[in-house]
């Protein structure tokens, strides 16, 4: 037979454990880092080989998730690019470019069709056109002329 004293001590211990568990849950819910970390990117919805306009950190951006064939095509453009300095590295998988131009309210536009500024002899795999000045950029943000490349967003 279990003595009353042992039974009371067991009940007190159980209530103490229950109280500590509730306190832990309450404190965890009030703040602090999550016990698990999400590795999701804000651009996970952009499919492989797709370029899409998204909003990130309060600004509109063009997001391109490169397929391996696109990366190879972009590396082949190096000899014809006047602006060798790219915004994104050709080996990157995801490139995020700011859509805004120097003119308020005007954004660069994405096009798969060859712009009229690009001669038929120059390879074209898609890119961007700045409607405010007619400048043309490849998918990495490199300019087809001697001007500066597009601006990149750090999406990490």
Protein backbone atom coordinates (compact mmCIF):
# COMPACT_ATOMS: atom_id res chain seq x y z
CA UNK A 1 0.00 0.00 0.00
CA UNK A 2 1.28 3.47 -0.99
CA UNK A 3 1.56 5.90 1.82
CA UNK A 4 -0.27 9.21 1.68
CA UNK A 5 2.99 11.12 1.97
CA UNK A 6 4.45 9.46 -1.16
CA UNK A 7 1.21 10.04 -3.08
CA UNK A 8 1.17 13.76 -2.16
CA UNK A 9 4.82 14.14 -3.21
CA UNK A 10 4.09 12.43 -6.57
CA UNK A 11 1.12 14.74 -7.24
CA UNK A 12 3.20 17.84 -6.35
CA UNK A 13 5.95 16.71 -8.75
CA UNK A 14 3.42 16.14 -11.55
CA UNK A 15 1.93 19.62 -11.03
CA UNK A 16 5.42 21.16 -11.01
CA UNK A 17 6.28 19.46 -14.32
CA UNK A 18 2.94 20.58 -15.80
CA UNK A 19 3.54 24.17 -14.63
CA UNK A 20 7.06 24.24 -16.11
CA UNK A 21 5.80 22.85 -19.44
CA UNK A 22 3.07 25.50 -19.64
CA UNK A 23 5.57 28.24 -18.76
CA UNK A 24 7.90 27.01 -21.52
CA UNK A 25 5.09 27.03 -24.09
CA UNK A 26 3.98 30.49 -23.00
CA UNK A 27 7.49 31.95 -23.20
CA UNK A 28 8.16 30.36 -26.61
CA UNK A 29 4.94 31.82 -27.99
CA UNK A 30 5.82 35.33 -26.79
CA UNK A 31 8.88 35.58 -28.98
CA UNK A 32 12.31 34.38 -29.70
CA UNK A 33 13.63 32.52 -32.68
CA UNK A 34 11.71 29.62 -34.06
CA UNK A 35 12.98 26.17 -33.19
CA UNK A 36 12.86 25.34 -36.90
CA UNK A 37 14.12 27.59 -39.65
CA UNK A 38 12.40 28.02 -42.97
CA UNK A 39 14.66 27.81 -45.98
CA UNK A 40 11.97 29.08 -48.35
CA UNK A 41 12.89 31.86 -50.74
CA UNK A 42 10.45 34.67 -51.51
CA UNK A 43 10.77 33.61 -55.16
CA UNK A 44 10.09 29.87 -54.87
CA UNK A 45 7.01 30.30 -57.07
CA UNK A 46 9.12 31.32 -60.08
CA UNK A 47 9.50 28.23 -62.24
CA UNK A 48 12.76 27.04 -63.77
CA UNK A 49 13.41 28.96 -67.00
CA UNK A 50 10.83 31.64 -66.15
CA UNK A 51 11.18 35.41 -65.72
CA UNK A 52 8.49 37.04 -63.59
CA UNK A 53 7.72 40.46 -62.14
CA UNK A 54 7.43 40.37 -58.34
CA UNK A 55 7.37 42.78 -55.39
CA UNK A 56 10.30 42.47 -52.94
CA UNK A 57 11.21 44.82 -50.07
CA UNK A 58 8.75 47.44 -51.31
CA UNK A 59 10.00 47.57 -54.90
CA UNK A 60 9.10 45.78 -58.10
CA UNK A 61 11.77 43.40 -59.36
CA UNK A 62 12.29 41.04 -62.27
CA UNK A 63 13.16 37.53 -61.07
CA UNK A 64 14.70 34.95 -63.41
CA UNK A 65 15.27 31.34 -62.35
CA UNK A 66 17.76 30.02 -64.90
CA UNK A 67 17.68 26.57 -66.41
CA UNK A 68 21.06 25.05 -67.25
CA UNK A 69 20.44 25.63 -70.97
CA UNK A 70 19.81 29.34 -70.34
CA UNK A 71 23.04 29.67 -68.36
CA UNK A 72 24.97 28.07 -71.23
CA UNK A 73 23.32 30.41 -73.77
CA UNK A 74 24.17 33.44 -71.62
CA UNK A 75 27.82 32.39 -71.35
CA UNK A 76 27.89 32.19 -75.16
CA UNK A 77 26.79 35.85 -75.30
CA UNK A 78 30.01 37.05 -73.63
CA UNK A 79 31.81 37.87 -76.92
CA UNK A 80 28.97 40.08 -78.20
CA UNK A 81 28.24 41.90 -74.95
CA UNK A 82 29.74 45.38 -74.84
CA UNK A 83 29.23 45.69 -71.10
CA UNK A 84 31.14 42.68 -69.77
CA UNK A 85 30.25 43.52 -66.20
CA UNK A 86 27.10 41.58 -65.38
CA UNK A 87 24.80 42.18 -62.49
CA UNK A 88 24.34 38.45 -61.91
CA UNK A 89 26.97 35.79 -62.40
CA UNK A 90 26.32 33.47 -65.37
CA UNK A 91 26.55 30.46 -63.06
CA UNK A 92 23.80 31.75 -60.77
CA UNK A 93 20.41 30.05 -60.59
CA UNK A 94 18.35 33.06 -59.49
CA UNK A 95 18.83 36.65 -60.67
CA UNK A 96 16.79 39.53 -59.20
CA UNK A 97 16.89 42.89 -61.02
CA UNK A 98 15.22 46.16 -60.01
CA UNK A 99 12.46 47.05 -62.47
CA UNK A 100 12.58 50.82 -61.90
CA UNK A 101 14.36 53.14 -64.32
CA UNK A 102 15.73 56.65 -63.85
CA UNK A 103 12.34 58.00 -64.92
CA UNK A 104 9.73 57.79 -62.14
CA UNK A 105 6.85 55.48 -63.02
CA UNK A 106 8.68 53.83 -65.93
CA UNK A 107 9.92 50.25 -65.53
CA UNK A 108 12.15 48.09 -67.66
CA UNK A 109 10.18 45.47 -69.52
CA UNK A 110 11.02 41.84 -70.17
CA UNK A 111 10.88 40.59 -73.74
CA UNK A 112 11.53 37.27 -75.42
CA UNK A 113 11.24 38.86 -78.86
CA UNK A 114 14.33 40.48 -80.36
CA UNK A 115 14.21 44.27 -79.85
CA UNK A 116 14.65 46.42 -82.95
CA UNK A 117 17.87 47.85 -81.44
CA UNK A 118 19.56 44.42 -81.71
CA UNK A 119 20.80 43.37 -85.16
CA UNK A 120 19.75 39.95 -86.47
CA UNK A 121 23.41 38.89 -86.50
CA UNK A 122 23.65 39.37 -82.70
CA UNK A 123 22.45 36.39 -80.63
CA UNK A 124 19.35 37.06 -78.52
CA UNK A 125 18.06 34.74 -75.77
CA UNK A 126 15.64 37.17 -74.15
CA UNK A 127 16.24 40.14 -71.92
CA UNK A 128 15.05 43.57 -70.92
CA UNK A 129 14.42 46.91 -72.61
CA UNK A 130 14.42 50.28 -70.85
CA UNK A 131 11.58 52.21 -72.53
CA UNK A 132 12.86 55.52 -71.19
CA UNK A 133 16.07 55.43 -73.26
CA UNK A 134 15.88 52.31 -75.47
CA UNK A 135 18.82 50.52 -73.84
CA UNK A 136 18.80 46.72 -74.07
CA UNK A 137 20.03 44.24 -71.44
CA UNK A 138 20.42 40.48 -71.35
CA UNK A 139 18.83 38.31 -68.63
CA UNK A 140 21.89 38.83 -66.40
CA UNK A 141 21.46 42.62 -66.54
CA UNK A 142 24.45 43.21 -68.83
CA UNK A 143 24.05 46.07 -71.29
CA UNK A 144 24.34 45.53 -75.04
CA UNK A 145 25.98 48.96 -75.23
CA UNK A 146 28.78 50.56 -73.21
CA UNK A 147 26.47 51.75 -70.44
CA UNK A 148 26.12 50.56 -66.87
CA UNK A 149 24.37 47.27 -66.11
CA UNK A 150 21.00 47.04 -64.38
CA UNK A 151 20.75 47.19 -60.60
CA UNK A 152 20.54 43.96 -58.64
CA UNK A 153 18.65 43.23 -55.43
CA UNK A 154 20.23 41.12 -52.70
CA UNK A 155 17.48 38.59 -52.12
CA UNK A 156 19.33 36.56 -49.49
